[in-house]
PDB file of N, CA and C in Angstrom:
ATOM      1  N   MET A   1       0.827  -1.147  -0.021  1.00  0.00           N
ATOM      2  CA  MET A   1       0.010  -0.020   0.011  1.00  0.00           C
ATOM      3  C   MET A   1       0.892   1.246  -0.019  1.00  0.00           C
ATOM      4  N   LYS A   2       0.331   2.318  -0.532  1.00  0.00           N
ATOM      5  CA  LYS A   2       1.041   3.604  -0.591  1.00  0.00           C
ATOM      6  C   LYS A   2       1.176   4.169   0.831  1.00  0.00           C
ATOM      7  N   PRO A   3       2.340   4.576   1.203  1.00  0.00           N
ATOM      8  CA  PRO A   3       2.525   5.132   2.539  1.00  0.00           C
ATOM      9  C   PRO A   3       2.014   6.592   2.587  1.00  0.00           C
ATOM     10  N   GLY A   4       1.444   6.981   3.711  1.00  0.00           N
ATOM     11  CA  GLY A   4       1.068   8.373   3.939  1.00  0.00           C
ATOM     12  C   GLY A   4      -0.296   8.741   3.476  1.00  0.00           C
ATOM     13  N   ILE A   5      -1.043   7.814   2.854  1.00  0.00           N
ATOM     14  CA  ILE A   5      -2.412   8.155   2.373  1.00  0.00           C
ATOM     15  C   ILE A   5      -3.512   7.591   3.215  1.00  0.00           C
ATOM     16  N   HIS A   6      -3.193   6.726   4.110  1.00  0.00           N
ATOM     17  CA  HIS A   6      -4.161   6.050   4.985  1.00  0.00           C
ATOM     18  C   HIS A   6      -4.314   6.796   6.315  1.00  0.00           C
ATOM     19  N   PRO A   7      -5.503   6.774   6.861  1.00  0.00           N
ATOM     20  CA  PRO A   7      -5.653   7.485   8.150  1.00  0.00           C
ATOM     21  C   PRO A   7      -4.813   6.941   9.231  1.00  0.00           C
ATOM     22  N   SER A   8      -4.426   7.802  10.182  1.00  0.00           N
ATOM     23  CA  SER A   8      -3.487   7.356  11.174  1.00  0.00           C
ATOM     24  C   SER A   8      -4.278   6.790  12.406  1.00  0.00           C
ATOM     25  N   TYR A   9      -5.618   6.923  12.416  1.00  0.00           N
ATOM     26  CA  TYR A   9      -6.341   6.390  13.583  1.00  0.00           C
ATOM     27  C   TYR A   9      -6.537   4.890  13.382  1.00  0.00           C
ATOM     28  N   ALA A  10      -6.772   4.285  14.520  1.00  0.00           N
ATOM     29  CA  ALA A  10      -6.821   2.824  14.604  1.00  0.00           C
ATOM     30  C   ALA A  10      -8.082   2.284  14.090  1.00  0.00           C
ATOM     31  N   TYR A  11      -8.024   1.083  13.556  1.00  0.00           N
ATOM     32  CA  TYR A  11      -9.186   0.324  13.104  1.00  0.00           C
ATOM     33  C   TYR A  11      -9.354  -0.762  14.194  1.00  0.00           C
ATOM     34  N   GLY A  12     -10.328  -0.567  15.062  1.00  0.00           N
ATOM     35  CA  GLY A  12     -10.421  -1.470  16.175  1.00  0.00           C
ATOM     36  C   GLY A  12     -11.882  -1.779  16.533  1.00  0.00           C
ATOM     37  N   PRO A  13     -12.076  -2.560  17.572  1.00  0.00           N
ATOM     38  CA  PRO A  13     -13.423  -3.009  17.970  1.00  0.00           C
ATOM     39  C   PRO A  13     -14.197  -1.803  18.567  1.00  0.00           C
ATOM     40  N   VAL A  14     -15.465  -1.676  18.165  1.00  0.00           N
ATOM     41  CA  VAL A  14     -16.385  -0.633  18.625  1.00  0.00           C
ATOM     42  C   VAL A  14     -17.780  -1.302  18.795  1.00  0.00           C
ATOM     43  N   VAL A  15     -18.476  -0.887  19.808  1.00  0.00           N
ATOM     44  CA  VAL A  15     -19.804  -1.334  19.987  1.00  0.00           C
ATOM     45  C   VAL A  15     -20.795  -0.282  19.490  1.00  0.00           C
ATOM     46  N   PHE A  16     -21.689  -0.681  18.571  1.00  0.00           N
ATOM     47  CA  PHE A  16     -22.736   0.203  18.108  1.00  0.00           C
ATOM     48  C   PHE A  16     -24.043  -0.217  18.805  1.00  0.00           C
ATOM     49  N   ARG A  17     -24.702   0.773  19.410  1.00  0.00           N
ATOM     50  CA  ARG A  17     -25.879   0.541  20.267  1.00  0.00           C
ATOM     51  C   ARG A  17     -27.109   1.269  19.751  1.00  0.00           C
ATOM     52  N   ASP A  18     -28.144   0.559  19.538  1.00  0.00           N
ATOM     53  CA  ASP A  18     -29.472   1.143  19.141  1.00  0.00           C
ATOM     54  C   ASP A  18     -30.357   1.102  20.365  1.00  0.00           C
ATOM     55  N   LYS A  19     -30.478   2.281  21.030  1.00  0.00           N
ATOM     56  CA  LYS A  19     -31.195   2.321  22.309  1.00  0.00           C
ATOM     57  C   LYS A  19     -32.735   2.112  22.087  1.00  0.00           C
ATOM     58  N   ALA A  20     -33.266   2.485  20.926  1.00  0.00           N
ATOM     59  CA  ALA A  20     -34.644   2.336  20.655  1.00  0.00           C
ATOM     60  C   ALA A  20     -35.018   0.819  20.660  1.00  0.00           C
ATOM     61  N   ALA A  21     -34.178  -0.011  20.153  1.00  0.00           N
ATOM     62  CA  ALA A  21     -34.486  -1.440  20.066  1.00  0.00           C
ATOM     63  C   ALA A  21     -33.795  -2.270  21.158  1.00  0.00           C
ATOM     64  N   ASP A  22     -33.075  -1.569  21.996  1.00  0.00           N
ATOM     65  CA  ASP A  22     -32.296  -2.267  23.107  1.00  0.00           C
ATOM     66  C   ASP A  22     -31.442  -3.363  22.468  1.00  0.00           C
ATOM     67  N   PHE A  23     -30.596  -2.918  21.492  1.00  0.00           N
ATOM     68  CA  PHE A  23     -29.764  -3.864  20.707  1.00  0.00           C
ATOM     69  C   PHE A  23     -28.393  -3.261  20.524  1.00  0.00           C
ATOM     70  N   ALA A  24     -27.428  -4.090  20.657  1.00  0.00           N
ATOM     71  CA  ALA A  24     -26.009  -3.613  20.447  1.00  0.00           C
ATOM     72  C   ALA A  24     -25.235  -4.743  19.731  1.00  0.00           C
ATOM     73  N   PHE A  25     -24.252  -4.327  19.000  1.00  0.00           N
ATOM     74  CA  PHE A  25     -23.388  -5.341  18.352  1.00  0.00           C
ATOM     75  C   PHE A  25     -21.944  -4.818  18.312  1.00  0.00           C
ATOM     76  N   LEU A  26     -21.070  -5.712  18.425  1.00  0.00           N
ATOM     77  CA  LEU A  26     -19.642  -5.389  18.381  1.00  0.00           C
ATOM     78  C   LEU A  26     -19.075  -5.693  17.015  1.00  0.00           C
ATOM     79  N   THR A  27     -18.367  -4.691  16.520  1.00  0.00           N
ATOM     80  CA  THR A  27     -17.712  -4.863  15.173  1.00  0.00           C
ATOM     81  C   THR A  27     -16.441  -4.038  15.163  1.00  0.00           C
ATOM     82  N   ARG A  28     -15.764  -3.993  14.062  1.00  0.00           N
ATOM     83  CA  ARG A  28     -14.528  -3.235  13.948  1.00  0.00           C
ATOM     84  C   ARG A  28     -14.862  -1.982  13.077  1.00  0.00           C
ATOM     85  N   SER A  29     -14.277  -0.868  13.509  1.00  0.00           N
ATOM     86  CA  SER A  29     -14.466   0.432  12.812  1.00  0.00           C
ATOM     87  C   SER A  29     -13.391   1.393  13.170  1.00  0.00           C
ATOM     88  N   THR A  30     -13.307   2.442  12.264  1.00  0.00           N
ATOM     89  CA  THR A  30     -12.398   3.536  12.572  1.00  0.00           C
ATOM     90  C   THR A  30     -13.041   4.579  13.398  1.00  0.00           C
ATOM     91  N   ALA A  31     -14.382   4.479  13.601  1.00  0.00           N
ATOM     92  CA  ALA A  31     -15.092   5.440  14.448  1.00  0.00           C
ATOM     93  C   ALA A  31     -14.680   5.285  15.909  1.00  0.00           C
ATOM     94  N   THR A  32     -14.671   6.412  16.613  1.00  0.00           N
ATOM     95  CA  THR A  32     -14.291   6.333  18.009  1.00  0.00           C
ATOM     96  C   THR A  32     -15.273   7.133  18.852  1.00  0.00           C
ATOM     97  N   SER A  33     -15.249   6.928  20.159  1.00  0.00           N
ATOM     98  CA  SER A  33     -16.108   7.627  21.088  1.00  0.00           C
ATOM     99  C   SER A  33     -15.484   7.779  22.410  1.00  0.00           C
ATOM    100  N   ASP A  34     -15.896   8.774  23.148  1.00  0.00           N
ATOM    101  CA  ASP A  34     -15.407   8.976  24.536  1.00  0.00           C
ATOM    102  C   ASP A  34     -16.116   8.016  25.510  1.00  0.00           C
ATOM    103  N   LYS A  35     -17.377   7.664  25.137  1.00  0.00           N
ATOM    104  CA  LYS A  35     -18.137   6.807  25.975  1.00  0.00           C
ATOM    105  C   LYS A  35     -17.683   5.369  25.822  1.00  0.00           C
ATOM    106  N   THR A  36     -17.760   4.611  26.851  1.00  0.00           N
ATOM    107  CA  THR A  36     -17.399   3.178  26.883  1.00  0.00           C
ATOM    108  C   THR A  36     -18.451   2.315  27.418  1.00  0.00           C
ATOM    109  N   ILE A  37     -18.382   1.022  27.133  1.00  0.00           N
ATOM    110  CA  ILE A  37     -19.294   0.075  27.670  1.00  0.00           C
ATOM    111  C   ILE A  37     -18.545  -1.244  27.932  1.00  0.00           C
ATOM    112  N   GLU A  38     -18.983  -1.937  28.985  1.00  0.00           N
ATOM    113  CA  GLU A  38     -18.432  -3.260  29.205  1.00  0.00           C
ATOM    114  C   GLU A  38     -19.234  -4.254  28.446  1.00  0.00           C
ATOM    115  N   TRP A  39     -18.533  -4.991  27.559  1.00  0.00           N
ATOM    116  CA  TRP A  39     -19.202  -5.960  26.711  1.00  0.00           C
ATOM    117  C   TRP A  39     -19.376  -7.302  27.339  1.00  0.00           C
ATOM    118  N   GLU A  40     -20.059  -8.199  26.720  1.00  0.00           N
ATOM    119  CA  GLU A  40     -20.347  -9.536  27.267  1.00  0.00           C
ATOM    120  C   GLU A  40     -19.064 -10.321  27.645  1.00  0.00           C
ATOM    121  N   ASP A  41     -17.975 -10.043  26.946  1.00  0.00           N
ATOM    122  CA  ASP A  41     -16.776 -10.770  27.203  1.00  0.00           C
ATOM    123  C   ASP A  41     -15.934 -10.181  28.322  1.00  0.00           C
ATOM    124  N   GLY A  42     -16.440  -9.141  28.981  1.00  0.00           N
ATOM    125  CA  GLY A  42     -15.843  -8.524  30.126  1.00  0.00           C
ATOM    126  C   GLY A  42     -14.873  -7.424  29.813  1.00  0.00           C
ATOM    127  N   GLN A  43     -14.626  -7.154  28.541  1.00  0.00           N
ATOM    128  CA  GLN A  43     -13.724  -6.111  28.160  1.00  0.00           C
ATOM    129  C   GLN A  43     -14.514  -4.838  27.924  1.00  0.00           C
ATOM    130  N   VAL A  44     -13.814  -3.695  27.967  1.00  0.00           N
ATOM    131  CA  VAL A  44     -14.397  -2.332  27.767  1.00  0.00           C
ATOM    132  C   VAL A  44     -14.120  -1.895  26.395  1.00  0.00           C
ATOM    133  N   TYR A  45     -15.151  -1.455  25.680  1.00  0.00           N
ATOM    134  CA  TYR A  45     -15.034  -0.990  24.287  1.00  0.00           C
ATOM    135  C   TYR A  45     -15.683   0.364  24.128  1.00  0.00           C
ATOM    136  N   PRO A  46     -15.252   1.207  23.198  1.00  0.00           N
ATOM    137  CA  PRO A  46     -15.969   2.476  22.960  1.00  0.00           C
ATOM    138  C   PRO A  46     -17.352   2.118  22.428  1.00  0.00           C
ATOM    139  N   VAL A  47     -18.352   2.940  22.742  1.00  0.00           N
ATOM    140  CA  VAL A  47     -19.699   2.709  22.298  1.00  0.00           C
ATOM    141  C   VAL A  47     -20.220   3.935  21.529  1.00  0.00           C
ATOM    142  N   ILE A  48     -20.930   3.679  20.419  1.00  0.00           N
ATOM    143  CA  ILE A  48     -21.501   4.706  19.596  1.00  0.00           C
ATOM    144  C   ILE A  48     -23.000   4.426  19.520  1.00  0.00           C
ATOM    145  N   ASP A  49     -23.807   5.401  19.933  1.00  0.00           N
ATOM    146  CA  ASP A  49     -25.253   5.255  19.882  1.00  0.00           C
ATOM    147  C   ASP A  49     -25.708   5.666  18.496  1.00  0.00           C
ATOM    148  N   VAL A  50     -26.570   4.809  17.946  1.00  0.00           N
ATOM    149  CA  VAL A  50     -27.144   5.066  16.576  1.00  0.00           C
ATOM    150  C   VAL A  50     -28.643   5.231  16.690  1.00  0.00           C
ATOM    151  N   GLU A  51     -29.196   5.965  15.773  1.00  0.00           N
ATOM    152  CA  GLU A  51     -30.621   6.218  15.739  1.00  0.00           C
ATOM    153  C   GLU A  51     -31.422   4.934  15.308  1.00  0.00           C
ATOM    154  N   ILE A  52     -30.887   4.244  14.369  1.00  0.00           N
ATOM    155  CA  ILE A  52     -31.608   3.105  13.787  1.00  0.00           C
ATOM    156  C   ILE A  52     -30.637   2.031  13.399  1.00  0.00           C
ATOM    157  N   SER A  53     -31.090   0.799  13.558  1.00  0.00           N
ATOM    158  CA  SER A  53     -30.297  -0.395  13.139  1.00  0.00           C
ATOM    159  C   SER A  53     -31.206  -1.412  12.504  1.00  0.00           C
ATOM    160  N   SER A  54     -30.710  -2.596  12.207  1.00  0.00           N
ATOM    161  CA  SER A  54     -31.469  -3.610  11.561  1.00  0.00           C
ATOM    162  C   SER A  54     -32.525  -4.065  12.489  1.00  0.00           C
ATOM    163  N   GLN A  55     -32.455  -3.860  13.832  1.00  0.00           N
ATOM    164  CA  GLN A  55     -33.446  -4.349  14.744  1.00  0.00           C
ATOM    165  C   GLN A  55     -34.633  -3.334  14.848  1.00  0.00           C
ATOM    166  N   SER A  56     -34.436  -2.070  14.409  1.00  0.00           N
ATOM    167  CA  SER A  56     -35.518  -1.094  14.530  1.00  0.00           C
ATOM    168  C   SER A  56     -35.981  -0.521  13.183  1.00  0.00           C
ATOM    169  N   HIS A  57     -35.247  -0.788  12.085  1.00  0.00           N
ATOM    170  CA  HIS A  57     -35.644  -0.293  10.784  1.00  0.00           C
ATOM    171  C   HIS A  57     -36.877  -0.993  10.255  1.00  0.00           C
ATOM    172  N   PRO A  58     -37.877  -0.248   9.741  1.00  0.00           N
ATOM    173  CA  PRO A  58     -39.109  -0.899   9.318  1.00  0.00           C
ATOM    174  C   PRO A  58     -38.883  -1.917   8.169  1.00  0.00           C
ATOM    175  N   PHE A  59     -37.949  -1.720   7.312  1.00  0.00           N
ATOM    176  CA  PHE A  59     -37.665  -2.693   6.230  1.00  0.00           C
ATOM    177  C   PHE A  59     -37.294  -4.048   6.815  1.00  0.00           C
ATOM    178  N   TYR A  60     -36.393  -4.050   7.751  1.00  0.00           N
ATOM    179  CA  TYR A  60     -35.861  -5.325   8.340  1.00  0.00           C
ATOM    180  C   TYR A  60     -36.869  -5.962   9.343  1.00  0.00           C
ATOM    181  N   THR A  61     -37.696  -5.114   9.958  1.00  0.00           N
ATOM    182  CA  THR A  61     -38.644  -5.661  10.981  1.00  0.00           C
ATOM    183  C   THR A  61     -39.867  -6.119  10.312  1.00  0.00           C
ATOM    184  N   GLY A  62     -40.163  -5.793   9.105  1.00  0.00           N
ATOM    185  CA  GLY A  62     -41.383  -6.194   8.394  1.00  0.00           C
ATOM    186  C   GLY A  62     -42.567  -5.321   8.686  1.00  0.00           C
ATOM    187  N   THR A  63     -42.316  -4.142   9.237  1.00  0.00           N
ATOM    188  CA  THR A  63     -43.458  -3.226   9.457  1.00  0.00           C
ATOM    189  C   THR A  63     -43.448  -2.053   8.515  1.00  0.00           C
ATOM    190  N   ALA A  64     -42.809  -2.264   7.352  1.00  0.00           N
ATOM    191  CA  ALA A  64     -42.761  -1.205   6.346  1.00  0.00           C
ATOM    192  C   ALA A  64     -44.146  -0.975   5.786  1.00  0.00           C
ATOM    193  N   ARG A  65     -44.444   0.306   5.544  1.00  0.00           N
ATOM    194  CA  ARG A  65     -45.740   0.548   4.946  1.00  0.00           C
ATOM    195  C   ARG A  65     -45.658   0.514   3.423  1.00  0.00           C
ATOM    196  N   VAL A  66     -46.644  -0.023   2.761  1.00  0.00           N
ATOM    197  CA  VAL A  66     -46.658  -0.049   1.298  1.00  0.00           C
ATOM    198  C   VAL A  66     -47.582   1.049   0.843  1.00  0.00           C
ATOM    199  N   LEU A  67     -47.014   1.961  -0.020  1.00  0.00           N
ATOM    200  CA  LEU A  67     -47.788   3.040  -0.507  1.00  0.00           C
ATOM    201  C   LEU A  67     -48.728   2.608  -1.655  1.00  0.00           C
ATOM    202  N   ASP A  68     -49.899   3.174  -1.678  1.00  0.00           N
ATOM    203  CA  ASP A  68     -50.895   2.808  -2.721  1.00  0.00           C
ATOM    204  C   ASP A  68     -50.612   3.677  -3.939  1.00  0.00           C
ATOM    205  N   THR A  69     -49.683   3.255  -4.755  1.00  0.00           N
ATOM    206  CA  THR A  69     -49.302   4.083  -5.896  1.00  0.00           C
ATOM    207  C   THR A  69     -50.397   4.016  -6.971  1.00  0.00           C
ATOM    208  N   ALA A  70     -51.074   2.934  -7.102  1.00  0.00           N
ATOM    209  CA  ALA A  70     -52.137   2.835  -8.154  1.00  0.00           C
ATOM    210  C   ALA A  70     -53.306   3.885  -7.778  1.00  0.00           C
ATOM    211  N   GLY A  71     -53.618   3.915  -6.503  1.00  0.00           N
ATOM    212  CA  GLY A  71     -54.674   4.858  -6.098  1.00  0.00           C
ATOM    213  C   GLY A  71     -54.254   6.333  -6.338  1.00  0.00           C
ATOM    214  N   ARG A  72     -52.994   6.637  -6.156  1.00  0.00           N
ATOM    215  CA  ARG A  72     -52.473   7.982  -6.391  1.00  0.00           C
ATOM    216  C   ARG A  72     -52.521   8.303  -7.861  1.00  0.00           C
ATOM    217  N   VAL A  73     -52.209   7.398  -8.704  1.00  0.00           N
ATOM    218  CA  VAL A  73     -52.230   7.641 -10.145  1.00  0.00           C
ATOM    219  C   VAL A  73     -53.702   7.905 -10.564  1.00  0.00           C
ATOM    220  N   GLU A  74     -54.585   7.100 -10.081  1.00  0.00           N
ATOM    221  CA  GLU A  74     -56.011   7.282 -10.449  1.00  0.00           C
ATOM    222  C   GLU A  74     -56.560   8.648  -9.928  1.00  0.00           C
ATOM    223  N   ARG A  75     -56.132   8.990  -8.736  1.00  0.00           N
ATOM    224  CA  ARG A  75     -56.566  10.269  -8.204  1.00  0.00           C
ATOM    225  C   ARG A  75     -56.002  11.432  -9.015  1.00  0.00           C
ATOM    226  N   PHE A  76     -54.737  11.290  -9.489  1.00  0.00           N
ATOM    227  CA  PHE A  76     -54.107  12.341 -10.289  1.00  0.00           C
ATOM    228  C   PHE A  76     -54.843  12.471 -11.597  1.00  0.00           C
ATOM    229  N   GLU A  77     -55.219  11.325 -12.205  1.00  0.00           N
ATOM    230  CA  GLU A  77     -55.934  11.348 -13.508  1.00  0.00           C
ATOM    231  C   GLU A  77     -57.283  11.942 -13.378  1.00  0.00           C
ATOM    232  N   ARG A  78     -57.992  11.664 -12.238  1.00  0.00           N
ATOM    233  CA  ARG A  78     -59.293  12.253 -12.018  1.00  0.00           C
ATOM    234  C   ARG A  78     -59.206  13.714 -11.893  1.00  0.00           C
ATOM    235  N   ARG A  79     -58.169  14.129 -11.162  1.00  0.00           N
ATOM    236  CA  ARG A  79     -58.042  15.551 -10.835  1.00  0.00           C
ATOM    237  C   ARG A  79     -57.620  16.376 -12.099  1.00  0.00           C
ATOM    238  N   TYR A  80     -56.640  15.894 -12.818  1.00  0.00           N
ATOM    239  CA  TYR A  80     -56.042  16.644 -13.931  1.00  0.00           C
ATOM    240  C   TYR A  80     -56.353  16.085 -15.258  1.00  0.00           C
ATOM    241  N   GLY A  81     -56.972  14.934 -15.378  1.00  0.00           N
ATOM    242  CA  GLY A  81     -57.344  14.320 -16.596  1.00  0.00           C
ATOM    243  C   GLY A  81     -56.148  13.595 -17.229  1.00  0.00           C
ATOM    244  N   SER A  82     -56.453  12.568 -18.045  1.00  0.00           N
ATOM    245  CA  SER A  82     -55.355  11.838 -18.720  1.00  0.00           C
ATOM    246  C   SER A  82     -55.150  12.439 -20.116  1.00  0.00           C
ATOM    247  N   LYS A  83     -54.070  12.148 -20.658  1.00  0.00           N
ATOM    248  CA  LYS A  83     -53.748  12.640 -22.085  1.00  0.00           C
ATOM    249  C   LYS A  83     -54.670  11.927 -23.045  1.00  0.00           C
ATOM    250  N   PRO A  84     -55.240  12.635 -23.986  1.00  0.00           N
ATOM    251  CA  PRO A  84     -56.128  11.962 -24.998  1.00  0.00           C
ATOM    252  C   PRO A  84     -55.370  11.174 -25.962  1.00  0.00           C
TER     253      PRO A  84
END
């Protein structure tokens, strides 16, 4: 690899925590945090709180709403008319 072009910060273990879903996972990242958490293995890792994760995102949880696009098209055509 080319020297001097890569970041100087460490690529290490970090815990990402989704407080809304009460879910956390340990992974490796270059992101850092001043807050720490004791993980299941007894070691202390930096923790980053996230707004949404796979445990709380509607797409992954199956609670995604399906938009009625056909009804919207029909309403648009009624309101503005369709091309002749």
